[in-house]
N, C-alpha and C. Protein backbone atom coordinates (compact mmCIF):
# COMPACT_ATOMS: atom_id res chain seq x y z
N MET A 1 -18.60 14.64 6.16
CA MET A 1 -18.00 13.36 6.50
C MET A 1 -17.48 12.69 5.22
N ALA A 2 -16.33 12.11 5.32
CA ALA A 2 -15.70 11.46 4.17
C ALA A 2 -16.43 10.17 3.81
N LYS A 3 -16.42 9.85 2.53
CA LYS A 3 -17.01 8.60 2.07
C LYS A 3 -16.11 7.44 2.45
N LYS A 4 -16.73 6.32 2.77
CA LYS A 4 -15.98 5.11 3.15
C LYS A 4 -15.25 4.55 1.93
N LEU A 5 -13.98 4.29 2.10
CA LEU A 5 -13.22 3.65 1.02
C LEU A 5 -13.50 2.15 1.03
N THR A 6 -13.71 1.60 -0.14
CA THR A 6 -13.93 0.17 -0.27
C THR A 6 -12.91 -0.38 -1.26
N PRO A 7 -12.66 -1.69 -1.21
CA PRO A 7 -11.73 -2.26 -2.19
C PRO A 7 -12.13 -1.96 -3.62
N SER A 8 -13.42 -2.01 -3.95
CA SER A 8 -13.83 -1.75 -5.34
C SER A 8 -13.56 -0.30 -5.74
N LYS A 9 -13.77 0.64 -4.84
CA LYS A 9 -13.47 2.05 -5.16
C LYS A 9 -11.97 2.26 -5.37
N ILE A 10 -11.19 1.62 -4.53
CA ILE A 10 -9.74 1.77 -4.64
C ILE A 10 -9.24 1.10 -5.92
N ASN A 11 -9.78 -0.08 -6.25
CA ASN A 11 -9.36 -0.76 -7.47
C ASN A 11 -9.73 0.04 -8.72
N LYS A 12 -10.86 0.75 -8.68
CA LYS A 12 -11.23 1.62 -9.80
C LYS A 12 -10.22 2.78 -9.90
N PHE A 13 -9.85 3.33 -8.77
CA PHE A 13 -8.83 4.38 -8.73
C PHE A 13 -7.52 3.87 -9.33
N VAL A 14 -7.13 2.64 -8.97
CA VAL A 14 -5.89 2.04 -9.48
C VAL A 14 -5.96 1.91 -10.99
N LEU A 15 -7.11 1.50 -11.52
CA LEU A 15 -7.26 1.36 -12.97
C LEU A 15 -6.94 2.67 -13.69
N PHE A 16 -7.45 3.78 -13.18
CA PHE A 16 -7.29 5.06 -13.87
C PHE A 16 -6.02 5.83 -13.49
N LYS A 17 -5.52 5.64 -12.28
CA LYS A 17 -4.36 6.41 -11.83
C LYS A 17 -3.06 5.62 -11.79
N LEU A 18 -3.16 4.29 -11.70
CA LEU A 18 -1.98 3.42 -11.65
C LEU A 18 -2.19 2.23 -12.58
N PRO A 19 -2.36 2.50 -13.87
CA PRO A 19 -2.74 1.42 -14.79
C PRO A 19 -1.73 0.28 -14.86
N SER A 20 -0.44 0.55 -14.69
CA SER A 20 0.53 -0.55 -14.73
C SER A 20 0.28 -1.53 -13.59
N ALA A 21 -0.10 -1.04 -12.43
CA ALA A 21 -0.43 -1.93 -11.31
C ALA A 21 -1.71 -2.70 -11.62
N TYR A 22 -2.70 -2.01 -12.14
CA TYR A 22 -3.98 -2.67 -12.44
C TYR A 22 -3.80 -3.79 -13.46
N PHE A 23 -3.13 -3.50 -14.56
CA PHE A 23 -2.97 -4.50 -15.61
C PHE A 23 -2.00 -5.61 -15.22
N SER A 24 -1.19 -5.38 -14.18
CA SER A 24 -0.35 -6.44 -13.64
C SER A 24 -1.13 -7.35 -12.70
N GLY A 25 -2.36 -6.96 -12.37
CA GLY A 25 -3.22 -7.79 -11.53
C GLY A 25 -3.27 -7.41 -10.06
N VAL A 26 -2.71 -6.26 -9.70
CA VAL A 26 -2.70 -5.81 -8.31
C VAL A 26 -4.12 -5.38 -7.92
N ARG A 27 -4.65 -5.96 -6.81
CA ARG A 27 -6.00 -5.65 -6.36
C ARG A 27 -6.06 -5.55 -4.83
N VAL A 28 -6.76 -4.53 -4.36
CA VAL A 28 -7.04 -4.42 -2.93
C VAL A 28 -8.16 -5.40 -2.61
N LYS A 29 -7.94 -6.25 -1.63
CA LYS A 29 -8.94 -7.25 -1.23
C LYS A 29 -9.67 -6.86 0.04
N GLU A 30 -8.96 -6.20 0.96
CA GLU A 30 -9.58 -5.84 2.23
C GLU A 30 -8.90 -4.62 2.80
N ILE A 31 -9.72 -3.76 3.43
CA ILE A 31 -9.17 -2.60 4.13
C ILE A 31 -10.01 -2.34 5.38
N THR A 32 -9.31 -2.20 6.49
CA THR A 32 -9.95 -1.85 7.76
C THR A 32 -9.19 -0.65 8.31
N ASP A 33 -9.57 -0.20 9.50
CA ASP A 33 -8.83 0.89 10.14
C ASP A 33 -7.42 0.48 10.50
N GLU A 34 -7.21 -0.81 10.72
CA GLU A 34 -5.92 -1.28 11.21
C GLU A 34 -5.04 -1.96 10.16
N ALA A 35 -5.66 -2.49 9.08
CA ALA A 35 -4.86 -3.28 8.14
C ALA A 35 -5.43 -3.22 6.72
N ALA A 36 -4.57 -3.54 5.78
CA ALA A 36 -4.97 -3.64 4.37
C ALA A 36 -4.33 -4.87 3.77
N THR A 37 -5.08 -5.52 2.87
CA THR A 37 -4.58 -6.68 2.16
C THR A 37 -4.71 -6.44 0.67
N VAL A 38 -3.62 -6.64 -0.05
CA VAL A 38 -3.56 -6.48 -1.50
C VAL A 38 -3.03 -7.78 -2.07
N THR A 39 -3.63 -8.24 -3.16
CA THR A 39 -3.17 -9.49 -3.78
C THR A 39 -2.74 -9.25 -5.22
N VAL A 40 -1.92 -10.17 -5.70
CA VAL A 40 -1.53 -10.18 -7.10
C VAL A 40 -1.19 -11.63 -7.44
N LYS A 41 -1.66 -12.07 -8.60
CA LYS A 41 -1.41 -13.44 -9.03
C LYS A 41 -0.29 -13.45 -10.07
N HIS A 42 0.66 -14.36 -9.86
CA HIS A 42 1.75 -14.54 -10.81
C HIS A 42 1.15 -14.99 -12.15
N ARG A 43 1.45 -14.20 -13.19
CA ARG A 43 0.99 -14.50 -14.55
C ARG A 43 2.11 -14.14 -15.51
N TRP A 44 1.90 -14.45 -16.77
CA TRP A 44 2.90 -14.16 -17.79
C TRP A 44 3.25 -12.68 -17.81
N ILE A 45 2.28 -11.80 -17.69
CA ILE A 45 2.51 -10.35 -17.85
C ILE A 45 3.33 -9.76 -16.70
N ASN A 46 3.36 -10.41 -15.55
CA ASN A 46 4.08 -9.84 -14.41
C ASN A 46 5.22 -10.72 -13.91
N GLN A 47 5.69 -11.62 -14.75
CA GLN A 47 6.76 -12.52 -14.32
C GLN A 47 8.13 -12.03 -14.75
N ASN A 48 9.13 -12.55 -14.07
CA ASN A 48 10.52 -12.29 -14.43
C ASN A 48 11.05 -13.47 -15.26
N PRO A 49 12.27 -13.42 -15.73
CA PRO A 49 12.80 -14.53 -16.53
C PRO A 49 12.90 -15.86 -15.78
N PHE A 50 12.77 -15.82 -14.47
CA PHE A 50 12.88 -17.03 -13.64
C PHE A 50 11.51 -17.64 -13.33
N LYS A 51 10.50 -17.15 -14.03
CA LYS A 51 9.13 -17.66 -13.91
C LYS A 51 8.55 -17.50 -12.51
N SER A 52 8.83 -16.35 -11.93
CA SER A 52 8.19 -15.97 -10.66
C SER A 52 7.77 -14.50 -10.76
N LEU A 53 7.09 -14.02 -9.76
CA LEU A 53 6.56 -12.66 -9.78
C LEU A 53 7.70 -11.64 -9.78
N TYR A 54 7.70 -10.76 -10.77
CA TYR A 54 8.71 -9.72 -10.92
C TYR A 54 8.76 -8.85 -9.66
N TRP A 55 9.94 -8.47 -9.24
CA TRP A 55 10.10 -7.69 -8.01
C TRP A 55 9.31 -6.38 -8.04
N ALA A 56 9.25 -5.74 -9.20
CA ALA A 56 8.55 -4.46 -9.30
C ALA A 56 7.04 -4.64 -9.09
N THR A 57 6.49 -5.76 -9.52
CA THR A 57 5.07 -6.04 -9.29
C THR A 57 4.84 -6.25 -7.79
N GLN A 58 5.75 -6.95 -7.15
CA GLN A 58 5.65 -7.10 -5.70
C GLN A 58 5.73 -5.74 -5.01
N GLY A 59 6.58 -4.87 -5.54
CA GLY A 59 6.70 -3.53 -4.99
C GLY A 59 5.42 -2.72 -5.14
N MET A 60 4.78 -2.83 -6.32
CA MET A 60 3.52 -2.10 -6.53
C MET A 60 2.46 -2.57 -5.55
N ALA A 61 2.35 -3.88 -5.37
CA ALA A 61 1.33 -4.43 -4.47
C ALA A 61 1.61 -4.06 -3.02
N SER A 62 2.86 -4.17 -2.61
CA SER A 62 3.20 -3.85 -1.22
C SER A 62 3.05 -2.36 -0.93
N GLU A 63 3.43 -1.52 -1.90
CA GLU A 63 3.27 -0.07 -1.71
C GLU A 63 1.80 0.28 -1.57
N LEU A 64 0.95 -0.34 -2.38
CA LEU A 64 -0.48 -0.07 -2.29
C LEU A 64 -1.03 -0.52 -0.94
N ALA A 65 -0.55 -1.64 -0.41
CA ALA A 65 -1.01 -2.11 0.90
C ALA A 65 -0.71 -1.09 1.99
N THR A 66 0.41 -0.40 1.90
CA THR A 66 0.73 0.63 2.89
C THR A 66 0.02 1.94 2.55
N GLY A 67 0.08 2.33 1.29
CA GLY A 67 -0.47 3.62 0.88
C GLY A 67 -1.97 3.74 1.04
N VAL A 68 -2.69 2.65 0.86
CA VAL A 68 -4.14 2.71 0.97
C VAL A 68 -4.56 3.05 2.40
N LEU A 69 -3.77 2.63 3.38
CA LEU A 69 -4.06 3.00 4.77
C LEU A 69 -3.86 4.50 4.99
N VAL A 70 -2.85 5.07 4.34
CA VAL A 70 -2.61 6.52 4.43
C VAL A 70 -3.76 7.26 3.74
N ILE A 71 -4.13 6.83 2.55
CA ILE A 71 -5.24 7.47 1.81
C ILE A 71 -6.51 7.43 2.63
N GLN A 72 -6.82 6.27 3.20
CA GLN A 72 -8.04 6.12 3.99
C GLN A 72 -8.06 7.09 5.17
N GLU A 73 -6.94 7.20 5.88
CA GLU A 73 -6.91 8.07 7.06
C GLU A 73 -6.97 9.54 6.67
N ILE A 74 -6.37 9.90 5.54
CA ILE A 74 -6.48 11.28 5.05
C ILE A 74 -7.94 11.59 4.73
N GLU A 75 -8.61 10.67 4.04
CA GLU A 75 -10.04 10.85 3.73
C GLU A 75 -10.87 11.00 5.00
N THR A 76 -10.60 10.17 5.98
CA THR A 76 -11.34 10.21 7.24
C THR A 76 -11.13 11.54 7.97
N SER A 77 -9.91 12.08 7.88
CA SER A 77 -9.60 13.32 8.59
C SER A 77 -10.34 14.53 8.01
N GLY A 78 -10.65 14.48 6.72
CA GLY A 78 -11.29 15.62 6.07
C GLY A 78 -10.34 16.77 5.77
N GLU A 79 -9.08 16.60 6.07
CA GLU A 79 -8.07 17.64 5.83
C GLU A 79 -7.39 17.42 4.48
N LYS A 80 -6.78 18.48 3.98
CA LYS A 80 -5.97 18.39 2.76
C LYS A 80 -4.54 18.04 3.20
N ILE A 81 -4.15 16.81 2.92
CA ILE A 81 -2.84 16.32 3.34
C ILE A 81 -2.16 15.67 2.14
N SER A 82 -0.90 16.03 1.92
CA SER A 82 -0.15 15.40 0.84
C SER A 82 0.61 14.20 1.39
N MET A 83 0.88 13.26 0.49
CA MET A 83 1.61 12.05 0.89
C MET A 83 2.62 11.71 -0.19
N LEU A 84 3.77 11.18 0.22
CA LEU A 84 4.83 10.88 -0.72
C LEU A 84 5.72 9.78 -0.15
N VAL A 85 6.08 8.81 -0.98
CA VAL A 85 7.05 7.81 -0.56
C VAL A 85 8.43 8.47 -0.59
N ARG A 86 9.14 8.41 0.52
CA ARG A 86 10.48 8.99 0.61
C ARG A 86 11.56 7.95 0.39
N SER A 87 11.31 6.73 0.86
CA SER A 87 12.28 5.66 0.67
C SER A 87 11.56 4.32 0.72
N GLN A 88 12.28 3.31 0.22
CA GLN A 88 11.71 1.96 0.17
C GLN A 88 12.83 0.96 0.30
N LYS A 89 12.55 -0.14 0.99
CA LYS A 89 13.52 -1.22 1.12
C LYS A 89 12.76 -2.54 1.00
N GLY A 90 13.26 -3.44 0.19
CA GLY A 90 12.60 -4.73 0.02
C GLY A 90 13.55 -5.88 0.22
N THR A 91 13.02 -6.98 0.73
CA THR A 91 13.78 -8.20 0.94
C THR A 91 12.97 -9.36 0.37
N PHE A 92 13.63 -10.23 -0.36
CA PHE A 92 12.96 -11.36 -1.01
C PHE A 92 13.49 -12.64 -0.39
N THR A 93 12.58 -13.49 0.09
CA THR A 93 12.98 -14.67 0.85
C THR A 93 12.62 -16.00 0.18
N LYS A 94 11.70 -15.95 -0.78
CA LYS A 94 11.26 -17.18 -1.44
C LYS A 94 10.70 -16.81 -2.81
N LYS A 95 10.81 -17.73 -3.76
CA LYS A 95 10.26 -17.51 -5.10
C LYS A 95 8.75 -17.26 -5.00
N ALA A 96 8.29 -16.20 -5.63
CA ALA A 96 6.88 -15.80 -5.54
C ALA A 96 6.11 -16.32 -6.75
N THR A 97 5.33 -17.37 -6.52
CA THR A 97 4.48 -17.93 -7.57
C THR A 97 3.09 -18.11 -7.00
N GLY A 98 2.10 -18.25 -7.90
CA GLY A 98 0.71 -18.36 -7.44
C GLY A 98 0.18 -17.00 -7.03
N ARG A 99 -0.83 -16.98 -6.17
CA ARG A 99 -1.40 -15.71 -5.69
C ARG A 99 -0.63 -15.28 -4.45
N ILE A 100 -0.11 -14.06 -4.50
CA ILE A 100 0.66 -13.50 -3.39
C ILE A 100 -0.21 -12.46 -2.70
N ARG A 101 -0.22 -12.51 -1.37
CA ARG A 101 -1.03 -11.62 -0.55
C ARG A 101 -0.09 -10.73 0.26
N PHE A 102 -0.24 -9.41 0.09
CA PHE A 102 0.56 -8.45 0.85
C PHE A 102 -0.31 -7.84 1.93
N VAL A 103 0.21 -7.86 3.15
CA VAL A 103 -0.55 -7.38 4.30
C VAL A 103 0.24 -6.28 5.01
N CYS A 104 -0.44 -5.18 5.29
CA CYS A 104 0.12 -4.11 6.12
C CYS A 104 -0.81 -3.95 7.31
N LYS A 105 -0.25 -4.01 8.51
CA LYS A 105 -1.04 -3.93 9.74
C LYS A 105 -0.73 -2.65 10.53
N ASP A 106 -0.32 -1.60 9.84
CA ASP A 106 0.14 -0.38 10.50
C ASP A 106 -0.90 0.75 10.52
N GLY A 107 -2.18 0.42 10.43
CA GLY A 107 -3.22 1.44 10.39
C GLY A 107 -3.24 2.37 11.59
N LEU A 108 -2.99 1.84 12.77
CA LEU A 108 -3.01 2.69 13.97
C LEU A 108 -1.83 3.67 13.97
N LYS A 109 -0.70 3.23 13.43
CA LYS A 109 0.47 4.10 13.29
C LYS A 109 0.16 5.25 12.33
N VAL A 110 -0.57 4.94 11.25
CA VAL A 110 -0.96 5.96 10.28
C VAL A 110 -1.88 6.97 10.94
N LYS A 111 -2.87 6.48 11.67
CA LYS A 111 -3.82 7.36 12.35
C LYS A 111 -3.10 8.34 13.28
N ALA A 112 -2.15 7.83 14.05
CA ALA A 112 -1.41 8.68 14.99
C ALA A 112 -0.60 9.75 14.25
N ALA A 113 0.03 9.37 13.14
CA ALA A 113 0.84 10.33 12.38
C ALA A 113 -0.03 11.41 11.74
N ILE A 114 -1.18 11.02 11.21
CA ILE A 114 -2.10 12.00 10.60
C ILE A 114 -2.60 12.97 11.67
N GLN A 115 -2.98 12.44 12.84
CA GLN A 115 -3.44 13.31 13.93
C GLN A 115 -2.35 14.29 14.36
N LYS A 116 -1.11 13.79 14.44
CA LYS A 116 -0.01 14.66 14.85
C LYS A 116 0.24 15.74 13.80
N ALA A 117 0.17 15.39 12.53
CA ALA A 117 0.35 16.38 11.46
C ALA A 117 -0.71 17.47 11.55
N ILE A 118 -1.95 17.07 11.83
CA ILE A 118 -3.05 18.04 11.94
C ILE A 118 -2.86 18.92 13.17
N GLU A 119 -2.53 18.32 14.30
CA GLU A 119 -2.37 19.06 15.55
C GLU A 119 -1.20 20.04 15.52
N THR A 120 -0.08 19.63 14.95
CA THR A 120 1.14 20.46 14.98
C THR A 120 1.33 21.30 13.72
N GLY A 121 0.69 20.88 12.61
CA GLY A 121 0.91 21.56 11.34
C GLY A 121 2.26 21.22 10.72
N GLU A 122 2.99 20.30 11.34
CA GLU A 122 4.30 19.90 10.85
C GLU A 122 4.22 18.60 10.07
N GLY A 123 5.08 18.47 9.06
CA GLY A 123 5.15 17.24 8.30
C GLY A 123 5.58 16.08 9.19
N GLN A 124 5.14 14.91 8.84
CA GLN A 124 5.48 13.72 9.61
C GLN A 124 6.10 12.68 8.68
N SER A 125 6.93 11.85 9.25
CA SER A 125 7.52 10.75 8.52
C SER A 125 7.16 9.47 9.27
N LEU A 126 6.72 8.46 8.53
CA LEU A 126 6.38 7.21 9.18
C LEU A 126 6.82 6.04 8.32
N PHE A 127 7.23 4.97 8.98
CA PHE A 127 7.68 3.77 8.29
C PHE A 127 6.58 2.72 8.40
N LEU A 128 6.15 2.24 7.23
CA LEU A 128 5.09 1.23 7.17
C LEU A 128 5.65 -0.04 6.55
N PHE A 129 5.20 -1.16 7.05
CA PHE A 129 5.74 -2.47 6.68
C PHE A 129 4.65 -3.31 6.02
N ALA A 130 4.97 -3.95 4.90
CA ALA A 130 4.06 -4.88 4.24
C ALA A 130 4.81 -6.18 3.98
N GLU A 131 4.15 -7.29 4.27
CA GLU A 131 4.77 -8.58 4.05
C GLU A 131 3.95 -9.37 3.05
N GLY A 132 4.66 -10.06 2.13
CA GLY A 132 4.02 -10.87 1.11
C GLY A 132 4.05 -12.33 1.47
N PHE A 133 2.92 -13.02 1.26
CA PHE A 133 2.79 -14.44 1.58
C PHE A 133 2.27 -15.18 0.36
N ASN A 134 2.74 -16.41 0.16
CA ASN A 134 2.21 -17.24 -0.92
C ASN A 134 0.94 -17.95 -0.44
N GLU A 135 0.38 -18.78 -1.29
CA GLU A 135 -0.88 -19.45 -0.95
C GLU A 135 -0.74 -20.42 0.22
N ALA A 136 0.45 -20.89 0.49
CA ALA A 136 0.70 -21.78 1.63
C ALA A 136 0.92 -20.99 2.93
N GLY A 137 0.88 -19.64 2.83
CA GLY A 137 1.09 -18.81 4.01
C GLY A 137 2.55 -18.56 4.33
N GLU A 138 3.44 -18.96 3.42
CA GLU A 138 4.87 -18.76 3.63
C GLU A 138 5.28 -17.35 3.18
N PRO A 139 6.12 -16.67 3.94
CA PRO A 139 6.58 -15.35 3.52
C PRO A 139 7.47 -15.45 2.27
N VAL A 140 7.24 -14.55 1.31
CA VAL A 140 8.05 -14.52 0.09
C VAL A 140 8.85 -13.23 -0.03
N SER A 141 8.34 -12.17 0.57
CA SER A 141 9.05 -10.88 0.52
C SER A 141 8.47 -9.95 1.57
N ASN A 142 9.25 -8.93 1.91
CA ASN A 142 8.74 -7.89 2.79
C ASN A 142 9.31 -6.56 2.36
N PHE A 143 8.53 -5.53 2.58
CA PHE A 143 8.89 -4.19 2.14
C PHE A 143 8.64 -3.20 3.26
N GLU A 144 9.52 -2.22 3.35
CA GLU A 144 9.34 -1.12 4.28
C GLU A 144 9.32 0.18 3.47
N TYR A 145 8.32 0.99 3.70
CA TYR A 145 8.19 2.28 3.01
C TYR A 145 8.23 3.40 4.02
N GLU A 146 9.01 4.42 3.71
CA GLU A 146 8.97 5.64 4.49
C GLU A 146 8.02 6.59 3.77
N TRP A 147 6.91 6.90 4.41
CA TRP A 147 5.94 7.85 3.86
C TRP A 147 6.11 9.19 4.54
N GLY A 148 6.09 10.25 3.76
CA GLY A 148 6.06 11.60 4.29
C GLY A 148 4.65 12.14 4.09
N ILE A 149 4.11 12.73 5.15
CA ILE A 149 2.79 13.36 5.05
C ILE A 149 2.91 14.80 5.55
N LYS A 150 2.12 15.67 4.93
CA LYS A 150 2.21 17.08 5.29
C LYS A 150 0.86 17.74 5.06
N LEU A 151 0.44 18.53 6.02
CA LEU A 151 -0.79 19.31 5.90
C LEU A 151 -0.57 20.37 4.82
N ARG A 152 -1.47 20.42 3.86
CA ARG A 152 -1.37 21.45 2.83
C ARG A 152 -1.82 22.78 3.39
N LYS A 153 -1.14 23.82 2.96
CA LYS A 153 -1.48 25.16 3.45
C LYS A 153 -2.82 25.59 2.88
N LYS A 154 -3.62 26.22 3.76
CA LYS A 154 -4.92 26.72 3.32
C LYS A 154 -4.73 28.05 2.62
N LYS A 155 -5.46 28.20 1.54
CA LYS A 155 -5.33 29.44 0.75
C LYS A 155 -6.27 30.50 1.24
């Protein structure tokens, strides 16, 4: 049985495998079977010239919000499955200052895609959505990621 993923385990992984995200302040706050929440606070190290959160930092946080759901479901499945971002689209609607919270609620979609990949042995493509909110709960940006998943061949 796979070990349960926790925000602290994932944040430790981020420190060693995605240090630019970690040092920019990107942190997983919550993960369930259905949703993940990642936060990042606007600071000097992650700001743009307009004194708001740099778009790439928002991208790192939003990608992690979607990707952590894929990682969790792969771990739960016990199978060897590869994952890769195939495409990304982002929209910015408001200046991002303060603590920004990115939420992805596509966990059930991930579960279905992983199950289908295991059952059919065929690669799957899925689109996951993460939305960023400021401390007032106002949307500041949203991102869509196309993830490709594929069962690794057994040797």
